[in-house]
């Protein structure tokens, strides 16, 4: 519990130090912790695109593989890098001092990012990068202005740019919108990219509270038990009272 608390506090501090972000509309993240295949795809994306900078040092490979129904051997061969062991925490080997020098601040641990920011914020954030030559990494973010990290998913999404539109509503008022559009050079279509981000956010939501999976499973078992108990209790009550009536 203490480790979890420290993780949350550290993430809050890191987020506050970087930027608070302007108030923008947040899209609904299609989180579904019962979708095991989505969780597996999300972990694969995280390991391939996020772990190089962002650790998940409060979750172990063994627990994650078990929850996501991934055999240990398959998981370690395809989702773990370096000389890590299945019982170890999900970490990278990048020195924090070097990361701080490269990015201006050490990238935060992401174990609890969806608990701090919320799944909707993370889902919208990962779909809101756009090209900005004035920034150190050539990109900015609608949700997180002056963002201090590269757009690591750009090869999947393509080159994103901002498009400003102005329309007039039914009352004659101008409505200004800013949307992110891509050039089609990514490995995925817009819909495919959105689904990939949804998988990643789904996994991050699980990672912030792995016990939710157990709680959901236990809740179903409890409901089944109560239903069966009710049937037997009802039959027993009829047996006891049949002579009275």
Protein backbone atom coordinates (compact mmCIF):
# COMPACT_ATOMS: atom_id res chain seq x y z
CA UNK A 1 0.00 0.00 0.00
CA UNK A 2 2.83 2.40 0.87
CA UNK A 3 4.52 1.71 -2.46
CA UNK A 4 1.28 2.43 -4.31
CA UNK A 5 0.85 5.70 -2.41
CA UNK A 6 4.40 6.77 -3.15
CA UNK A 7 3.88 5.94 -6.81
CA UNK A 8 0.77 8.12 -6.99
CA UNK A 9 2.49 11.03 -5.24
CA UNK A 10 5.52 10.76 -7.50
CA UNK A 11 3.36 10.75 -10.61
CA UNK A 12 1.38 13.76 -9.41
CA UNK A 13 4.58 15.65 -8.70
CA UNK A 14 6.06 14.78 -12.09
CA UNK A 15 2.90 15.78 -13.92
CA UNK A 16 2.64 19.07 -12.07
CA UNK A 17 6.27 19.84 -12.75
CA UNK A 18 5.88 19.37 -16.49
CA UNK A 19 2.55 21.02 -17.21
CA UNK A 20 -1.05 21.05 -16.14
CA UNK A 21 -2.57 21.16 -19.64
CA UNK A 22 -5.42 23.28 -20.86
CA UNK A 23 -9.02 22.27 -20.30
CA UNK A 24 -10.15 20.37 -23.39
CA UNK A 25 -12.90 17.94 -24.25
CA UNK A 26 -11.90 14.40 -23.29
CA UNK A 27 -13.06 11.49 -25.42
CA UNK A 28 -14.53 8.47 -23.67
CA UNK A 29 -12.02 5.65 -23.33
CA UNK A 30 -13.62 2.28 -24.19
CA UNK A 31 -12.19 0.52 -21.14
CA UNK A 32 -13.19 -3.13 -20.76
CA UNK A 33 -11.12 -5.12 -18.29
CA UNK A 34 -12.97 -8.29 -19.28
CA UNK A 35 -11.45 -8.11 -22.77
CA UNK A 36 -8.34 -10.22 -22.19
CA UNK A 37 -7.17 -9.98 -25.80
CA UNK A 38 -7.32 -6.18 -25.61
CA UNK A 39 -5.26 -6.24 -22.41
CA UNK A 40 -2.70 -8.49 -24.08
CA UNK A 41 -2.43 -6.20 -27.10
CA UNK A 42 -2.15 -3.21 -24.77
CA UNK A 43 0.73 -4.79 -22.87
CA UNK A 44 2.52 -5.53 -26.13
CA UNK A 45 2.21 -1.89 -27.17
CA UNK A 46 3.40 -0.71 -23.78
CA UNK A 47 6.45 -2.97 -23.80
CA UNK A 48 7.40 -1.98 -27.34
CA UNK A 49 6.73 1.76 -27.25
CA UNK A 50 6.54 2.98 -23.63
CA UNK A 51 8.77 0.89 -21.39
CA UNK A 52 11.98 2.31 -22.83
CA UNK A 53 11.30 5.50 -20.86
CA UNK A 54 8.38 4.79 -18.52
CA UNK A 55 8.72 2.01 -15.99
CA UNK A 56 5.89 0.17 -14.30
CA UNK A 57 7.92 -0.67 -11.25
CA UNK A 58 5.06 -1.61 -8.94
CA UNK A 59 3.82 -4.51 -11.07
CA UNK A 60 5.59 -7.82 -11.59
CA UNK A 61 5.77 -9.76 -14.82
CA UNK A 62 4.52 -12.91 -13.08
CA UNK A 63 1.34 -11.30 -11.75
CA UNK A 64 0.66 -9.49 -15.01
CA UNK A 65 1.14 -12.61 -17.12
CA UNK A 66 -1.18 -14.57 -14.83
CA UNK A 67 -3.92 -11.93 -14.93
CA UNK A 68 -3.66 -11.54 -18.70
CA UNK A 69 -3.58 -15.32 -19.27
CA UNK A 70 -0.13 -15.24 -20.88
CA UNK A 71 2.13 -18.27 -20.23
CA UNK A 72 5.31 -17.19 -18.43
CA UNK A 73 7.57 -18.63 -21.13
CA UNK A 74 5.70 -16.89 -23.94
CA UNK A 75 5.56 -13.61 -22.02
CA UNK A 76 9.24 -13.54 -21.12
CA UNK A 77 10.26 -14.44 -24.67
CA UNK A 78 8.09 -11.84 -26.38
CA UNK A 79 7.33 -9.11 -23.85
CA UNK A 80 10.40 -8.83 -21.62
CA UNK A 81 13.74 -7.46 -22.75
CA UNK A 82 17.20 -7.98 -21.35
CA UNK A 83 18.09 -10.39 -18.58
CA UNK A 84 14.91 -9.91 -16.57
CA UNK A 85 13.24 -12.71 -14.64
CA UNK A 86 9.55 -13.47 -14.46
CA UNK A 87 9.33 -12.56 -10.78
CA UNK A 88 10.85 -9.10 -11.25
CA UNK A 89 9.11 -5.75 -11.54
CA UNK A 90 8.48 -4.25 -14.99
CA UNK A 91 11.44 -1.88 -15.26
CA UNK A 92 13.85 -0.57 -17.86
CA UNK A 93 17.58 -0.10 -17.61
CA UNK A 94 17.70 3.62 -18.41
CA UNK A 95 19.47 5.68 -15.70
CA UNK A 96 17.12 8.36 -14.33
CA UNK A 97 19.91 10.96 -14.39
CA UNK A 98 20.40 10.42 -18.12
CA UNK A 99 16.66 10.55 -18.76
CA UNK A 100 16.39 13.82 -16.84
CA UNK A 101 19.18 15.27 -18.99
CA UNK A 102 17.57 14.08 -22.22
CA UNK A 103 13.99 15.12 -21.47
CA UNK A 104 14.39 17.87 -18.88
CA UNK A 105 12.82 15.63 -16.23
CA UNK A 106 12.87 11.89 -15.58
CA UNK A 107 9.82 10.28 -17.24
CA UNK A 108 7.32 9.26 -14.54
CA UNK A 109 6.40 5.70 -13.66
CA UNK A 110 3.07 4.90 -15.32
CA UNK A 111 1.69 2.29 -12.95
CA UNK A 112 -0.98 4.67 -11.68
CA UNK A 113 -1.33 7.12 -14.56
CA UNK A 114 -4.99 6.26 -15.23
CA UNK A 115 -5.82 6.51 -11.53
CA UNK A 116 -4.27 9.98 -11.35
CA UNK A 117 -5.31 11.37 -14.74
CA UNK A 118 -8.22 9.09 -15.60
CA UNK A 119 -8.55 6.75 -18.61
CA UNK A 120 -10.34 9.40 -20.69
CA UNK A 121 -7.45 11.86 -20.27
CA UNK A 122 -4.83 9.29 -21.29
CA UNK A 123 -6.93 8.09 -24.23
CA UNK A 124 -7.38 11.64 -25.55
CA UNK A 125 -3.77 12.63 -24.83
CA UNK A 126 -2.31 9.78 -26.89
CA UNK A 127 -4.46 10.88 -29.84
CA UNK A 128 -3.68 14.60 -29.54
CA UNK A 129 -0.04 14.97 -30.58
CA UNK A 130 0.67 17.26 -33.53
CA UNK A 131 3.72 18.57 -35.38
CA UNK A 132 5.28 21.67 -33.81
CA UNK A 133 8.79 22.53 -35.06
CA UNK A 134 9.30 24.95 -32.16
CA UNK A 135 9.35 22.12 -29.62
CA UNK A 136 12.51 20.13 -28.77
CA UNK A 137 11.06 16.87 -30.12
CA UNK A 138 9.14 18.49 -32.97
CA UNK A 139 5.70 17.81 -31.51
CA UNK A 140 3.21 19.35 -29.11
CA UNK A 141 -0.05 18.14 -27.62
CA UNK A 142 -3.53 19.64 -27.50
CA UNK A 143 -4.27 18.09 -24.11
CA UNK A 144 -0.79 18.66 -22.65
CA UNK A 145 0.63 21.91 -24.09
CA UNK A 146 4.43 22.21 -24.14
CA UNK A 147 4.74 18.46 -23.73
CA UNK A 148 8.28 17.29 -23.04
CA UNK A 149 8.30 13.93 -24.81
CA UNK A 150 8.36 12.69 -28.41
CA UNK A 151 5.33 11.18 -30.10
CA UNK A 152 6.46 7.58 -29.73
CA UNK A 153 3.42 6.19 -31.57
CA UNK A 154 3.90 8.36 -34.68
CA UNK A 155 4.99 5.44 -36.85
CA UNK A 156 1.60 3.89 -36.12
CA UNK A 157 -0.49 7.05 -36.45
CA UNK A 158 1.36 8.93 -39.17
CA UNK A 159 2.36 12.60 -39.11
CA UNK A 160 -0.32 14.50 -37.16
CA UNK A 161 -1.11 18.16 -37.81
CA UNK A 162 -3.65 20.63 -36.44
CA UNK A 163 -6.63 21.65 -38.50
CA UNK A 164 -8.66 24.70 -37.44
CA UNK A 165 -12.27 24.97 -38.57
CA UNK A 166 -14.96 27.57 -38.03
CA UNK A 167 -18.66 26.83 -38.42
CA UNK A 168 -21.87 28.66 -37.53
CA UNK A 169 -24.39 26.98 -35.24
CA UNK A 170 -28.18 27.21 -35.39
CA UNK A 171 -28.12 30.42 -33.33
CA UNK A 172 -25.70 32.19 -35.64
CA UNK A 173 -22.73 31.83 -33.32
CA UNK A 174 -19.32 30.93 -34.65
CA UNK A 175 -17.99 27.59 -33.42
CA UNK A 176 -14.23 27.16 -33.57
CA UNK A 177 -12.78 23.66 -33.52
CA UNK A 178 -9.24 22.36 -33.53
CA UNK A 179 -8.76 18.77 -34.58
CA UNK A 180 -5.76 16.55 -35.22
CA UNK A 181 -5.51 15.07 -38.71
CA UNK A 182 -2.88 12.71 -40.10
CA UNK A 183 -1.24 12.39 -43.49
CA UNK A 184 -1.95 8.69 -43.92
CA UNK A 185 1.71 7.68 -43.64
CA UNK A 186 1.21 5.62 -40.49
CA UNK A 187 1.09 1.86 -40.28
CA UNK A 188 -2.51 2.06 -39.04
CA UNK A 189 -5.64 3.79 -40.27
CA UNK A 190 -7.30 6.35 -38.00
CA UNK A 191 -9.79 3.79 -36.68
CA UNK A 192 -7.07 1.18 -36.19
CA UNK A 193 -4.91 3.68 -34.33
CA UNK A 194 -7.80 4.62 -32.05
CA UNK A 195 -8.36 0.94 -31.27
CA UNK A 196 -4.66 0.45 -30.57
CA UNK A 197 -4.67 3.40 -28.16
CA UNK A 198 -7.81 1.98 -26.55
CA UNK A 199 -5.97 -1.31 -25.97
CA UNK A 200 -3.03 0.54 -24.43
CA UNK A 201 -5.29 2.57 -22.13
CA UNK A 202 -7.16 -0.59 -21.20
CA UNK A 203 -3.88 -2.17 -20.12
CA UNK A 204 -2.82 0.95 -18.21
CA UNK A 205 -6.19 0.94 -16.42
CA UNK A 206 -5.64 -2.68 -15.41
CA UNK A 207 -2.06 -1.91 -14.31
CA UNK A 208 -3.25 0.80 -11.94
CA UNK A 209 -5.44 -1.63 -10.03
CA UNK A 210 -4.82 -5.29 -10.92
CA UNK A 211 -7.07 -6.42 -8.08
CA UNK A 212 -10.07 -5.19 -10.08
CA UNK A 213 -9.86 -8.29 -12.25
CA UNK A 214 -10.01 -10.51 -9.17
CA UNK A 215 -12.80 -8.40 -7.70
CA UNK A 216 -14.90 -8.76 -10.85
CA UNK A 217 -14.35 -12.51 -10.93
CA UNK A 218 -15.12 -12.81 -7.22
CA UNK A 219 -18.25 -10.69 -7.61
CA UNK A 220 -19.64 -13.06 -10.24
CA UNK A 221 -18.88 -16.07 -8.04
CA UNK A 222 -20.59 -14.42 -5.07
CA UNK A 223 -23.70 -13.69 -7.14
CA UNK A 224 -23.84 -17.31 -8.33
CA UNK A 225 -23.42 -18.54 -4.75
CA UNK A 226 -26.19 -16.25 -3.49
CA UNK A 227 -28.50 -17.38 -6.29
CA UNK A 228 -27.93 -21.07 -5.48
CA UNK A 229 -28.23 -20.34 -1.74
CA UNK A 230 -31.55 -18.56 -2.34
CA UNK A 231 -32.93 -21.61 -4.17
CA UNK A 232 -31.95 -23.99 -1.37
CA UNK A 233 -33.21 -21.56 1.29
CA UNK A 234 -36.54 -21.26 -0.52
CA UNK A 235 -36.91 -25.05 -0.82
CA UNK A 236 -35.94 -25.49 2.83
CA UNK A 237 -38.48 -22.89 3.90
CA UNK A 238 -41.21 -24.70 1.95
CA UNK A 239 -40.21 -27.99 3.58
CA UNK A 240 -40.34 -26.50 7.08
CA UNK A 241 -43.67 -24.76 6.58
CA UNK A 242 -45.57 -27.33 4.53
CA UNK A 243 -47.11 -28.94 7.63
CA UNK A 244 -48.10 -25.55 9.07
CA UNK A 245 -50.08 -24.65 5.97
